[in-house]
C-alpha atoms as a PDB file:
ATOM      1  CA  MET A   1     -11.816  11.421   8.583  1.00  0.00           C
ATOM      2  CA  ILE A   2      -8.982   9.008   9.362  1.00  0.00           C
ATOM      3  CA  VAL A   3      -6.180   8.275   6.885  1.00  0.00           C
ATOM      4  CA  VAL A   4      -4.708   4.742   6.970  1.00  0.00           C
ATOM      5  CA  THR A   5      -1.729   4.030   4.734  1.00  0.00           C
ATOM      6  CA  GLY A   6      -0.881   0.463   3.786  1.00  0.00           C
ATOM      7  CA  ALA A   7      -4.610  -0.210   4.011  1.00  0.00           C
ATOM      8  CA  ALA A   8      -4.460  -3.112   1.559  1.00  0.00           C
ATOM      9  CA  GLY A   9      -1.700  -4.750   3.578  1.00  0.00           C
ATOM     10  CA  PHE A  10      -1.685  -7.021   6.600  1.00  0.00           C
ATOM     11  CA  ILE A  11      -1.732  -4.683   9.600  1.00  0.00           C
ATOM     12  CA  GLY A  12      -3.283  -1.775   7.699  1.00  0.00           C
ATOM     13  CA  SER A  13      -6.355  -3.774   6.646  1.00  0.00           C
ATOM     14  CA  ASN A  14      -6.797  -5.028  10.204  1.00  0.00           C
ATOM     15  CA  MET A  15      -6.660  -1.398  11.341  1.00  0.00           C
ATOM     16  CA  VAL A  16      -9.475  -0.521   8.940  1.00  0.00           C
ATOM     17  CA  ALA A  17     -11.483  -3.485  10.301  1.00  0.00           C
ATOM     18  CA  LYS A  18     -10.883  -2.236  13.857  1.00  0.00           C
ATOM     19  CA  LEU A  19     -12.030   1.281  12.954  1.00  0.00           C
ATOM     20  CA  ASN A  20     -15.164  -0.100  11.279  1.00  0.00           C
ATOM     21  CA  ALA A  21     -15.875  -2.157  14.406  1.00  0.00           C
ATOM     22  CA  GLU A  22     -15.596   1.051  16.443  1.00  0.00           C
ATOM     23  CA  ASN A  23     -18.132   2.660  14.066  1.00  0.00           C
ATOM     24  CA  PHE A  24     -15.650   4.756  12.080  1.00  0.00           C
ATOM     25  CA  LYS A  25     -16.710   4.791   8.439  1.00  0.00           C
ATOM     26  CA  ASP A  26     -15.100   7.985   7.095  1.00  0.00           C
ATOM     27  CA  ILE A  27     -11.753   6.339   6.376  1.00  0.00           C
ATOM     28  CA  VAL A  28      -9.265   7.153   3.629  1.00  0.00           C
ATOM     29  CA  ILE A  29      -7.472   3.992   2.516  1.00  0.00           C
ATOM     30  CA  VAL A  30      -4.043   4.543   0.960  1.00  0.00           C
ATOM     31  CA  ASP A  31      -1.888   1.993  -0.888  1.00  0.00           C
ATOM     32  CA  ASP A  32      -0.628   1.297  -4.403  1.00  0.00           C
ATOM     33  CA  PHE A  33      -3.534  -1.154  -4.997  1.00  0.00           C
ATOM     34  CA  SER A  34      -1.579  -3.049  -7.672  1.00  0.00           C
ATOM     35  CA  ASN A  35      -1.612  -6.472  -5.976  1.00  0.00           C
ATOM     36  CA  LEU A  36      -4.944  -8.174  -6.639  1.00  0.00           C
ATOM     37  CA  LYS A  37      -4.367 -10.807  -3.945  1.00  0.00           C
ATOM     38  CA  LYS A  38      -3.501  -8.102  -1.425  1.00  0.00           C
ATOM     39  CA  ASN A  39      -6.540  -6.045  -2.388  1.00  0.00           C
ATOM     40  CA  LYS A  40      -8.826  -8.784  -1.063  1.00  0.00           C
ATOM     41  CA  ASN A  41      -7.817  -7.571   2.396  1.00  0.00           C
ATOM     42  CA  TYR A  42     -10.026  -4.475   2.185  1.00  0.00           C
ATOM     43  CA  GLU A  43     -12.993  -6.025   0.355  1.00  0.00           C
ATOM     44  CA  GLY A  44     -16.179  -5.646   2.371  1.00  0.00           C
ATOM     45  CA  LYS A  45     -14.777  -2.877   4.551  1.00  0.00           C
ATOM     46  CA  THR A  46     -16.362   0.554   4.788  1.00  0.00           C
ATOM     47  CA  TYR A  47     -14.334   3.584   3.710  1.00  0.00           C
ATOM     48  CA  SER A  48     -15.027   6.921   2.062  1.00  0.00           C
ATOM     49  CA  HIS A  49     -11.997   7.481  -0.176  1.00  0.00           C
ATOM     50  CA  GLN A  50      -9.329   5.399  -1.905  1.00  0.00           C
ATOM     51  CA  VAL A  51      -6.084   7.254  -2.643  1.00  0.00           C
ATOM     52  CA  HIS A  52      -2.987   5.932  -4.410  1.00  0.00           C
ATOM     53  CA  ARG A  53       0.083   6.394  -2.248  1.00  0.00           C
ATOM     54  CA  ASN A  54       1.748   8.566  -4.929  1.00  0.00           C
ATOM     55  CA  ASP A  55      -1.164  11.007  -4.781  1.00  0.00           C
ATOM     56  CA  LEU A  56      -1.437  11.239  -1.002  1.00  0.00           C
ATOM     57  CA  PHE A  57       0.481  14.442  -0.371  1.00  0.00           C
ATOM     58  CA  THR A  58      -1.518  16.404  -2.921  1.00  0.00           C
ATOM     59  CA  TRP A  59      -4.698  14.904  -1.495  1.00  0.00           C
ATOM     60  CA  ILE A  60      -3.705  16.000   2.038  1.00  0.00           C
ATOM     61  CA  ASP A  61      -2.997  19.532   0.826  1.00  0.00           C
ATOM     62  CA  GLN A  62      -6.524  19.697  -0.570  1.00  0.00           C
ATOM     63  CA  ASN A  63      -8.356  17.941   2.283  1.00  0.00           C
ATOM     64  CA  HIS A  64      -6.361  18.531   5.473  1.00  0.00           C
ATOM     65  CA  ARG A  65      -9.221  20.388   7.162  1.00  0.00           C
ATOM     66  CA  LEU A  66     -11.270  17.190   7.122  1.00  0.00           C
ATOM     67  CA  ILE A  67      -8.545  14.891   8.511  1.00  0.00           C
ATOM     68  CA  GLN A  68      -8.627  13.898  12.179  1.00  0.00           C
ATOM     69  CA  PHE A  69      -5.708  11.458  12.273  1.00  0.00           C
ATOM     70  CA  ILE A  70      -3.065   9.803  10.074  1.00  0.00           C
ATOM     71  CA  VAL A  71      -2.051   6.200  10.794  1.00  0.00           C
ATOM     72  CA  HIS A  72       0.951   5.352   8.626  1.00  0.00           C
ATOM     73  CA  ILE A  73       1.369   1.577   8.367  1.00  0.00           C
ATOM     74  CA  GLY A  74       2.466   1.438   4.721  1.00  0.00           C
ATOM     75  CA  ALA A  75       6.109   0.527   4.118  1.00  0.00           C
ATOM     76  CA  ARG A  76       8.444  -1.750   2.239  1.00  0.00           C
ATOM     77  CA  THR A  77       8.553  -4.566   4.818  1.00  0.00           C
ATOM     78  CA  ASP A  78      10.713  -7.190   3.096  1.00  0.00           C
ATOM     79  CA  THR A  79      13.613  -7.930   5.468  1.00  0.00           C
ATOM     80  CA  THR A  80      15.575  -9.435   2.554  1.00  0.00           C
ATOM     81  CA  GLU A  81      15.339  -6.254   0.461  1.00  0.00           C
ATOM     82  CA  PHE A  82      18.835  -4.876  -0.182  1.00  0.00           C
ATOM     83  CA  ASN A  83      17.937  -2.006  -2.518  1.00  0.00           C
ATOM     84  CA  TRP A  84      18.703   0.853  -0.148  1.00  0.00           C
ATOM     85  CA  GLU A  85      17.428   3.512  -2.547  1.00  0.00           C
ATOM     86  CA  LEU A  86      13.996   1.836  -2.576  1.00  0.00           C
ATOM     87  CA  LEU A  87      13.900   1.525   1.219  1.00  0.00           C
ATOM     88  CA  GLU A  88      15.119   5.095   1.635  1.00  0.00           C
ATOM     89  CA  SER A  89      12.368   6.333  -0.676  1.00  0.00           C
ATOM     90  CA  LEU A  90       9.452   4.342   0.752  1.00  0.00           C
ATOM     91  CA  ASN A  91      10.402   3.965   4.427  1.00  0.00           C
ATOM     92  CA  LEU A  92      12.363   7.143   5.111  1.00  0.00           C
ATOM     93  CA  GLU A  93      11.587   9.996   2.726  1.00  0.00           C
ATOM     94  CA  TYR A  94       7.879   9.169   2.370  1.00  0.00           C
ATOM     95  CA  THR A  95       7.454   9.042   6.148  1.00  0.00           C
ATOM     96  CA  LYS A  96       9.362  12.302   6.575  1.00  0.00           C
ATOM     97  CA  GLN A  97       6.979  13.988   4.129  1.00  0.00           C
ATOM     98  CA  LEU A  98       3.975  12.674   6.045  1.00  0.00           C
ATOM     99  CA  TRP A  99       5.478  13.862   9.335  1.00  0.00           C
ATOM    100  CA  ASN A 100       6.015  17.329   7.876  1.00  0.00           C
ATOM    101  CA  LYS A 101       2.449  17.459   6.536  1.00  0.00           C
ATOM    102  CA  CYS A 102       1.192  16.609  10.035  1.00  0.00           C
ATOM    103  CA  VAL A 103       3.314  19.390  11.492  1.00  0.00           C
ATOM    104  CA  GLU A 104       2.116  21.865   8.840  1.00  0.00           C
ATOM    105  CA  PHE A 105      -1.573  21.108   9.302  1.00  0.00           C
ATOM    106  CA  GLY A 106      -1.676  20.234  13.005  1.00  0.00           C
ATOM    107  CA  LEU A 107      -2.511  16.546  12.574  1.00  0.00           C
ATOM    108  CA  PRO A 108      -1.772  13.709  15.019  1.00  0.00           C
ATOM    109  CA  PHE A 109       0.436  10.958  13.588  1.00  0.00           C
ATOM    110  CA  ILE A 110       1.161   7.292  14.308  1.00  0.00           C
ATOM    111  CA  TYR A 111       3.711   5.393  12.245  1.00  0.00           C
ATOM    112  CA  ALA A 112       5.061   1.857  12.090  1.00  0.00           C
ATOM    113  CA  SER A 113       8.598   1.258  13.267  1.00  0.00           C
ATOM    114  CA  SER A 114       9.913  -2.275  13.857  1.00  0.00           C
ATOM    115  CA  ALA A 115      11.663  -4.536  16.353  1.00  0.00           C
ATOM    116  CA  ALA A 116      14.095  -5.191  13.474  1.00  0.00           C
ATOM    117  CA  THR A 117      15.745  -1.964  14.667  1.00  0.00           C
ATOM    118  CA  TYR A 118      17.108  -3.870  17.690  1.00  0.00           C
ATOM    119  CA  GLY A 119      19.455  -6.093  15.680  1.00  0.00           C
ATOM    120  CA  LEU A 120      20.889  -8.856  17.839  1.00  0.00           C
ATOM    121  CA  GLY A 121      19.625  -7.145  20.970  1.00  0.00           C
ATOM    122  CA  GLU A 122      23.050  -5.999  22.136  1.00  0.00           C
ATOM    123  CA  PHE A 123      21.381  -3.119  23.984  1.00  0.00           C
ATOM    124  CA  GLY A 124      18.313  -5.073  25.052  1.00  0.00           C
ATOM    125  CA  TYR A 125      14.743  -4.472  23.858  1.00  0.00           C
ATOM    126  CA  ASN A 126      14.011  -1.281  25.751  1.00  0.00           C
ATOM    127  CA  ASP A 127      12.161   1.539  23.954  1.00  0.00           C
ATOM    128  CA  ASP A 128      14.053   4.227  25.874  1.00  0.00           C
ATOM    129  CA  HIS A 129      14.779   7.095  23.458  1.00  0.00           C
ATOM    130  CA  ASP A 130      18.374   7.300  24.696  1.00  0.00           C
ATOM    131  CA  VAL A 131      19.132   3.836  23.291  1.00  0.00           C
ATOM    132  CA  ILE A 132      17.798   4.337  19.765  1.00  0.00           C
ATOM    133  CA  HIS A 133      20.889   6.048  18.326  1.00  0.00           C
ATOM    134  CA  LYS A 134      23.062   3.119  19.484  1.00  0.00           C
ATOM    135  CA  LEU A 135      21.068   0.342  17.810  1.00  0.00           C
ATOM    136  CA  GLN A 136      22.632  -1.788  15.073  1.00  0.00           C
ATOM    137  CA  PRO A 137      19.966  -3.343  12.813  1.00  0.00           C
ATOM    138  CA  LEU A 138      20.967  -6.489  10.932  1.00  0.00           C
ATOM    139  CA  ASN A 139      19.435  -5.636   7.555  1.00  0.00           C
ATOM    140  CA  PRO A 140      18.626  -2.590   5.402  1.00  0.00           C
ATOM    141  CA  TYR A 141      14.920  -2.781   6.305  1.00  0.00           C
ATOM    142  CA  GLY A 142      15.696  -2.498  10.028  1.00  0.00           C
ATOM    143  CA  ARG A 143      18.175   0.265   9.283  1.00  0.00           C
ATOM    144  CA  SER A 144      15.543   2.247   7.328  1.00  0.00           C
ATOM    145  CA  LYS A 145      13.147   2.052  10.265  1.00  0.00           C
ATOM    146  CA  ASN A 146      15.790   3.021  12.797  1.00  0.00           C
ATOM    147  CA  GLU A 147      17.006   5.935  10.682  1.00  0.00           C
ATOM    148  CA  PHE A 148      13.500   7.378  10.715  1.00  0.00           C
ATOM    149  CA  ASP A 149      13.177   6.885  14.482  1.00  0.00           C
ATOM    150  CA  LYS A 150      16.440   8.770  14.966  1.00  0.00           C
ATOM    151  CA  TRP A 151      15.319  11.508  12.578  1.00  0.00           C
ATOM    152  CA  ALA A 152      11.981  11.907  14.366  1.00  0.00           C
ATOM    153  CA  LEU A 153      13.611  12.323  17.758  1.00  0.00           C
ATOM    154  CA  LYS A 154      15.901  15.060  16.415  1.00  0.00           C
ATOM    155  CA  GLN A 155      13.115  17.192  14.987  1.00  0.00           C
ATOM    156  CA  GLU A 156      12.378  20.500  16.661  1.00  0.00           C
ATOM    157  CA  ARG A 157       8.975  20.670  14.963  1.00  0.00           C
ATOM    158  CA  LYS A 158       6.822  17.677  15.791  1.00  0.00           C
ATOM    159  CA  PRO A 159       3.127  16.814  15.388  1.00  0.00           C
ATOM    160  CA  TYR A 160       1.236  17.775  18.558  1.00  0.00           C
ATOM    161  CA  PHE A 161       0.821  14.033  19.140  1.00  0.00           C
ATOM    162  CA  TRP A 162       2.931  11.356  17.504  1.00  0.00           C
ATOM    163  CA  ALA A 163       3.882   7.750  18.205  1.00  0.00           C
ATOM    164  CA  GLY A 164       6.268   5.343  16.521  1.00  0.00           C
ATOM    165  CA  LEU A 165       5.460   1.686  17.200  1.00  0.00           C
ATOM    166  CA  LYS A 166       8.158  -0.984  17.163  1.00  0.00           C
ATOM    167  CA  PHE A 167       6.158  -4.006  16.005  1.00  0.00           C
ATOM    168  CA  PHE A 168       7.566  -7.340  17.146  1.00  0.00           C
ATOM    169  CA  ASN A 169       6.529 -10.649  15.484  1.00  0.00           C
ATOM    170  CA  VAL A 170       2.985  -9.883  14.367  1.00  0.00           C
ATOM    171  CA  TYR A 171       0.715 -12.673  13.136  1.00  0.00           C
ATOM    172  CA  GLY A 172      -2.947 -12.962  12.241  1.00  0.00           C
ATOM    173  CA  PRO A 173      -5.515 -12.706   9.437  1.00  0.00           C
ATOM    174  CA  ASN A 174      -4.966 -10.987   6.089  1.00  0.00           C
ATOM    175  CA  GLU A 175      -1.350 -12.027   5.523  1.00  0.00           C
ATOM    176  CA  TYR A 176      -2.064 -14.387   2.612  1.00  0.00           C
ATOM    177  CA  HIS A 177      -0.235 -12.086   0.185  1.00  0.00           C
ATOM    178  CA  LYS A 178       2.994 -11.839   2.182  1.00  0.00           C
ATOM    179  CA  ALA A 179       4.623 -15.016   0.796  1.00  0.00           C
ATOM    180  CA  ARG A 180       7.943 -15.670   2.570  1.00  0.00           C
ATOM    181  CA  MET A 181       7.455 -12.593   4.773  1.00  0.00           C
ATOM    182  CA  ALA A 182       4.295 -14.076   6.334  1.00  0.00           C
ATOM    183  CA  SER A 183       4.367 -15.204   9.967  1.00  0.00           C
ATOM    184  CA  VAL A 184       5.789 -18.547  11.080  1.00  0.00           C
ATOM    185  CA  ILE A 185       2.268 -19.563  12.101  1.00  0.00           C
ATOM    186  CA  PHE A 186       1.032 -19.009   8.545  1.00  0.00           C
ATOM    187  CA  HIS A 187       3.892 -21.083   7.122  1.00  0.00           C
ATOM    188  CA  SER A 188       3.447 -23.758   9.793  1.00  0.00           C
ATOM    189  CA  PHE A 189      -0.247 -24.122   9.012  1.00  0.00           C
ATOM    190  CA  ASN A 190       0.414 -24.531   5.299  1.00  0.00           C
ATOM    191  CA  GLN A 191       3.299 -26.960   5.724  1.00  0.00           C
ATOM    192  CA  ILE A 192       1.316 -29.089   8.182  1.00  0.00           C
ATOM    193  CA  LYS A 193      -1.740 -28.979   5.924  1.00  0.00           C
ATOM    194  CA  GLN A 194       0.315 -30.175   2.939  1.00  0.00           C
ATOM    195  CA  THR A 195       2.619 -32.714   4.601  1.00  0.00           C
ATOM    196  CA  GLY A 196       1.313 -33.417   8.095  1.00  0.00           C
ATOM    197  CA  LYS A 197       4.738 -32.344   9.361  1.00  0.00           C
ATOM    198  CA  MET A 198       6.669 -29.205  10.304  1.00  0.00           C
ATOM    199  CA  LYS A 199      10.376 -28.502   9.907  1.00  0.00           C
ATOM    200  CA  LEU A 200      12.021 -25.904  12.129  1.00  0.00           C
ATOM    201  CA  PHE A 201      15.502 -24.444  12.057  1.00  0.00           C
ATOM    202  CA  ARG A 202      17.997 -26.290  14.209  1.00  0.00           C
ATOM    203  CA  SER A 203      19.784 -24.225  16.845  1.00  0.00           C
ATOM    204  CA  HIS A 204      23.410 -23.362  16.130  1.00  0.00           C
ATOM    205  CA  ASN A 205      23.784 -21.622  19.477  1.00  0.00           C
ATOM    206  CA  PRO A 206      24.837 -23.776  22.454  1.00  0.00           C
ATOM    207  CA  ASN A 207      22.633 -21.699  24.763  1.00  0.00           C
ATOM    208  CA  PHE A 208      19.438 -22.762  22.958  1.00  0.00           C
ATOM    209  CA  LYS A 209      18.105 -26.230  22.230  1.00  0.00           C
ATOM    210  CA  ASP A 210      16.566 -27.005  18.843  1.00  0.00           C
ATOM    211  CA  GLY A 211      13.226 -25.224  18.485  1.00  0.00           C
ATOM    212  CA  GLU A 212      13.706 -23.240  21.671  1.00  0.00           C
ATOM    213  CA  GLN A 213      14.721 -20.052  19.914  1.00  0.00           C
ATOM    214  CA  LEU A 214      12.504 -17.344  21.398  1.00  0.00           C
ATOM    215  CA  ARG A 215      10.437 -14.567  19.851  1.00  0.00           C
ATOM    216  CA  ASP A 216       7.820 -12.122  21.074  1.00  0.00           C
ATOM    217  CA  PHE A 217       4.807 -13.154  18.980  1.00  0.00           C
ATOM    218  CA  ILE A 218       1.886 -10.698  19.053  1.00  0.00           C
ATOM    219  CA  TYR A 219      -1.585 -11.188  17.577  1.00  0.00           C
ATOM    220  CA  VAL A 220      -2.564  -8.472  15.102  1.00  0.00           C
ATOM    221  CA  ASN A 221      -5.818  -7.794  17.000  1.00  0.00           C
ATOM    222  CA  ASP A 222      -3.706  -6.633  19.941  1.00  0.00           C
ATOM    223  CA  VAL A 223      -1.636  -4.406  17.671  1.00  0.00           C
ATOM    224  CA  VAL A 224      -4.661  -2.535  16.311  1.00  0.00           C
ATOM    225  CA  ASP A 225      -6.167  -2.291  19.804  1.00  0.00           C
ATOM    226  CA  VAL A 226      -3.039  -0.444  20.946  1.00  0.00           C
ATOM    227  CA  ILE A 227      -3.114   1.862  17.914  1.00  0.00           C
ATOM    228  CA  PHE A 228      -6.763   2.687  18.614  1.00  0.00           C
ATOM    229  CA  PHE A 229      -5.944   3.383  22.271  1.00  0.00           C
ATOM    230  CA  LEU A 230      -3.211   5.827  21.232  1.00  0.00           C
ATOM    231  CA  MET A 231      -5.543   7.524  18.763  1.00  0.00           C
ATOM    232  CA  GLU A 232      -7.882   8.302  21.642  1.00  0.00           C
ATOM    233  CA  HIS A 233      -5.138   8.946  24.236  1.00  0.00           C
ATOM    234  CA  ARG A 234      -3.201  11.573  22.241  1.00  0.00           C
ATOM    235  CA  LYS A 235      -0.711  12.224  25.011  1.00  0.00           C
ATOM    236  CA  ASN A 236       2.788  11.019  25.865  1.00  0.00           C
ATOM    237  CA  SER A 237       4.261  11.215  22.378  1.00  0.00           C
ATOM    238  CA  GLY A 238       7.213   8.970  21.639  1.00  0.00           C
ATOM    239  CA  ILE A 239       8.461   5.610  20.399  1.00  0.00           C
ATOM    240  CA  TYR A 240       6.904   2.518  21.922  1.00  0.00           C
ATOM    241  CA  ASN A 241       7.527  -1.216  21.793  1.00  0.00           C
ATOM    242  CA  LEU A 242       4.566  -3.257  20.639  1.00  0.00           C
ATOM    243  CA  GLY A 243       4.887  -6.905  21.611  1.00  0.00           C
ATOM    244  CA  THR A 244       3.410  -8.964  24.413  1.00  0.00           C
ATOM    245  CA  GLY A 245       6.411  -8.679  26.696  1.00  0.00           C
ATOM    246  CA  LYS A 246       6.628 -12.490  26.880  1.00  0.00           C
ATOM    247  CA  ALA A 247       8.954 -14.414  24.566  1.00  0.00           C
ATOM    248  CA  ARG A 248       7.818 -17.867  23.433  1.00  0.00           C
ATOM    249  CA  SER A 249       9.589 -20.649  21.583  1.00  0.00           C
ATOM    250  CA  PHE A 250       9.039 -21.797  18.018  1.00  0.00           C
ATOM    251  CA  LEU A 251       8.225 -25.220  19.461  1.00  0.00           C
ATOM    252  CA  ASP A 252       5.404 -23.655  21.487  1.00  0.00           C
ATOM    253  CA  LEU A 253       4.112 -21.959  18.360  1.00  0.00           C
ATOM    254  CA  VAL A 254       4.163 -25.077  16.184  1.00  0.00           C
ATOM    255  CA  ARG A 255       2.721 -27.356  18.861  1.00  0.00           C
ATOM    256  CA  ASN A 256      -0.194 -24.984  19.283  1.00  0.00           C
ATOM    257  CA  THR A 257      -0.690 -24.907  15.512  1.00  0.00           C
ATOM    258  CA  PHE A 258      -0.912 -28.729  15.407  1.00  0.00           C
ATOM    259  CA  LYS A 259      -3.333 -28.582  18.330  1.00  0.00           C
ATOM    260  CA  ALA A 260      -5.574 -25.986  16.668  1.00  0.00           C
ATOM    261  CA  MET A 261      -5.623 -28.150  13.522  1.00  0.00           C
ATOM    262  CA  ASN A 262      -6.478 -31.205  15.635  1.00  0.00           C
ATOM    263  CA  LEU A 263      -3.508 -33.133  14.235  1.00  0.00           C
ATOM    264  CA  PRO A 264      -0.736 -35.149  15.926  1.00  0.00           C
ATOM    265  CA  GLU A 265       2.637 -33.410  16.301  1.00  0.00           C
ATOM    266  CA  ASP A 266       5.372 -34.313  13.828  1.00  0.00           C
ATOM    267  CA  ILE A 267       8.251 -31.838  14.184  1.00  0.00           C
ATOM    268  CA  SER A 268      11.769 -32.189  12.795  1.00  0.00           C
ATOM    269  CA  PHE A 269      14.752 -29.870  12.385  1.00  0.00           C
ATOM    270  CA  ILE A 270      16.858 -28.643   9.496  1.00  0.00           C
ATOM    271  CA  ASP A 271      20.046 -26.588   9.507  1.00  0.00           C
ATOM    272  CA  THR A 272      19.658 -22.829   9.469  1.00  0.00           C
ATOM    273  CA  PRO A 273      21.025 -21.611   6.106  1.00  0.00           C
ATOM    274  CA  GLU A 274      24.634 -20.548   6.481  1.00  0.00           C
ATOM    275  CA  ASP A 275      24.053 -17.154   4.880  1.00  0.00           C
ATOM    276  CA  ILE A 276      21.726 -16.053   7.693  1.00  0.00           C
ATOM    277  CA  ARG A 277      23.244 -17.873  10.684  1.00  0.00           C
ATOM    278  CA  ASP A 278      25.359 -14.942  11.836  1.00  0.00           C
ATOM    279  CA  LYS A 279      22.305 -12.664  11.679  1.00  0.00           C
ATOM    280  CA  TYR A 280      19.816 -15.028  13.273  1.00  0.00           C
ATOM    281  CA  GLN A 281      18.032 -13.745  16.365  1.00  0.00           C
ATOM    282  CA  TYR A 282      17.723 -16.343  19.121  1.00  0.00           C
ATOM    283  CA  PHE A 283      15.766 -14.120  21.488  1.00  0.00           C
ATOM    284  CA  THR A 284      13.484 -11.087  21.253  1.00  0.00           C
ATOM    285  CA  GLU A 285      11.188  -9.807  23.990  1.00  0.00           C
ATOM    286  CA  ALA A 286       9.590  -6.372  24.132  1.00  0.00           C
ATOM    287  CA  ASN A 287       9.913  -4.357  27.304  1.00  0.00           C
ATOM    288  CA  MET A 288       6.317  -3.135  27.586  1.00  0.00           C
ATOM    289  CA  GLU A 289       6.639  -0.943  30.676  1.00  0.00           C
ATOM    290  CA  LYS A 290       6.431   2.353  28.777  1.00  0.00           C
ATOM    291  CA  LEU A 291       3.087   1.577  27.110  1.00  0.00           C
ATOM    292  CA  ARG A 292       1.667   0.252  30.365  1.00  0.00           C
ATOM    293  CA  SER A 293       2.889   3.360  32.202  1.00  0.00           C
ATOM    294  CA  ILE A 294       0.676   5.654  30.101  1.00  0.00           C
ATOM    295  CA  GLY A 295      -2.476   3.705  30.905  1.00  0.00           C
ATOM    296  CA  TYR A 296      -2.785   0.788  28.485  1.00  0.00           C
ATOM    297  CA  THR A 297      -4.172  -2.008  30.662  1.00  0.00           C
ATOM    298  CA  LYS A 298      -5.786  -4.448  28.227  1.00  0.00           C
ATOM    299  CA  PRO A 299      -4.171  -7.926  28.353  1.00  0.00           C
ATOM    300  CA  PHE A 300      -2.555  -9.338  25.221  1.00  0.00           C
ATOM    301  CA  HIS A 301      -3.623 -12.648  23.706  1.00  0.00           C
ATOM    302  CA  SER A 302      -1.569 -15.565  24.946  1.00  0.00           C
ATOM    303  CA  LEU A 303       0.188 -17.508  22.186  1.00  0.00           C
ATOM    304  CA  GLU A 304      -2.233 -20.378  22.809  1.00  0.00           C
ATOM    305  CA  ASP A 305      -5.338 -18.201  22.403  1.00  0.00           C
ATOM    306  CA  GLY A 306      -3.993 -16.216  19.467  1.00  0.00           C
ATOM    307  CA  VAL A 307      -2.910 -19.266  17.464  1.00  0.00           C
ATOM    308  CA  GLU A 308      -6.209 -21.052  18.127  1.00  0.00           C
ATOM    309  CA  GLU A 309      -8.263 -18.052  17.000  1.00  0.00           C
ATOM    310  CA  TYR A 310      -6.120 -17.417  13.930  1.00  0.00           C
ATOM    311  CA  VAL A 311      -6.087 -21.035  12.768  1.00  0.00           C
ATOM    312  CA  LYS A 312      -9.712 -21.910  13.488  1.00  0.00           C
ATOM    313  CA  ASN A 313     -11.378 -18.628  12.515  1.00  0.00           C
ATOM    314  CA  TYR A 314      -9.242 -17.638   9.533  1.00  0.00           C
ATOM    315  CA  LEU A 315      -6.648 -20.063   8.157  1.00  0.00           C
ATOM    316  CA  ILE A 316      -9.043 -23.007   8.066  1.00  0.00           C
ATOM    317  CA  GLY A 317     -11.306 -21.813   5.292  1.00  0.00           C
ATOM    318  CA  ALA A 318      -8.876 -19.093   4.103  1.00  0.00           C
ATOM    319  CA  LYS A 319     -11.069 -16.332   5.536  1.00  0.00           C
ATOM    320  CA  TYR A 320     -10.311 -12.628   5.815  1.00  0.00           C
ATOM    321  CA  ARG A 321     -10.949 -10.231   8.655  1.00  0.00           C
END
């Protein structure tokens, strides 16, 4: 039995799809299940139990002997959320309780961290544990994720295997419910579909031309492949970056979206809003050496291949994985 939290969400529902594809059917899906649009993400998937997130700890107490693994993807992921008490409750305290349950019952544990912990990248994008306490996230969401990473590293009692994954810019199917927090590819597709055009933020940094701001975009299929690898590997506990290791520009992303839609490019630029300019990241790129060093050899989708698959197989037709 495998527990997946956030199972109605973007990455969580893709994780359930991956497990089903690997012939795992005894899956416990955990979420709050209050968003009807979000709940479409797990329709048609095979699972054995559905547990509300508020009931999970009691459920674990009663069923821990049957659990093989806990994959904790559920979180408050809105980077514009400034209610620290809410983030502390959902992203910090909840995850601490899960960690402690895994210690108590001898369960392996994977949880979602975030590249938002890196802030402006003053210390680079290296998942070395020695750097984590120095990081300066730009928003409360990133801070909540980094505070848990720091807490985890300080614990004397740890699950026998655990991994925290710093997700970079993840895109792919099942993000219809995410609204403004959806990927740039999702927003590009919809803007192009509606207007035939795409507007990108202008650069306000003399080191970057307009549209040449760089991000590490990673296809969600690659993310769940890595999680599945770690579930089987169960060695080398620690915090790992999860990106492609190759930064690409927003222009590259949008041009490939136009191409996948078989439409001519029409790209223009608008000013980045003043209230986010001083917190705008112009470059992110995951150092992926640590994950590779423990034996993960599968190549990641190129931006070209990932965008084409996402647009043609899912966004056109509004399909789910």
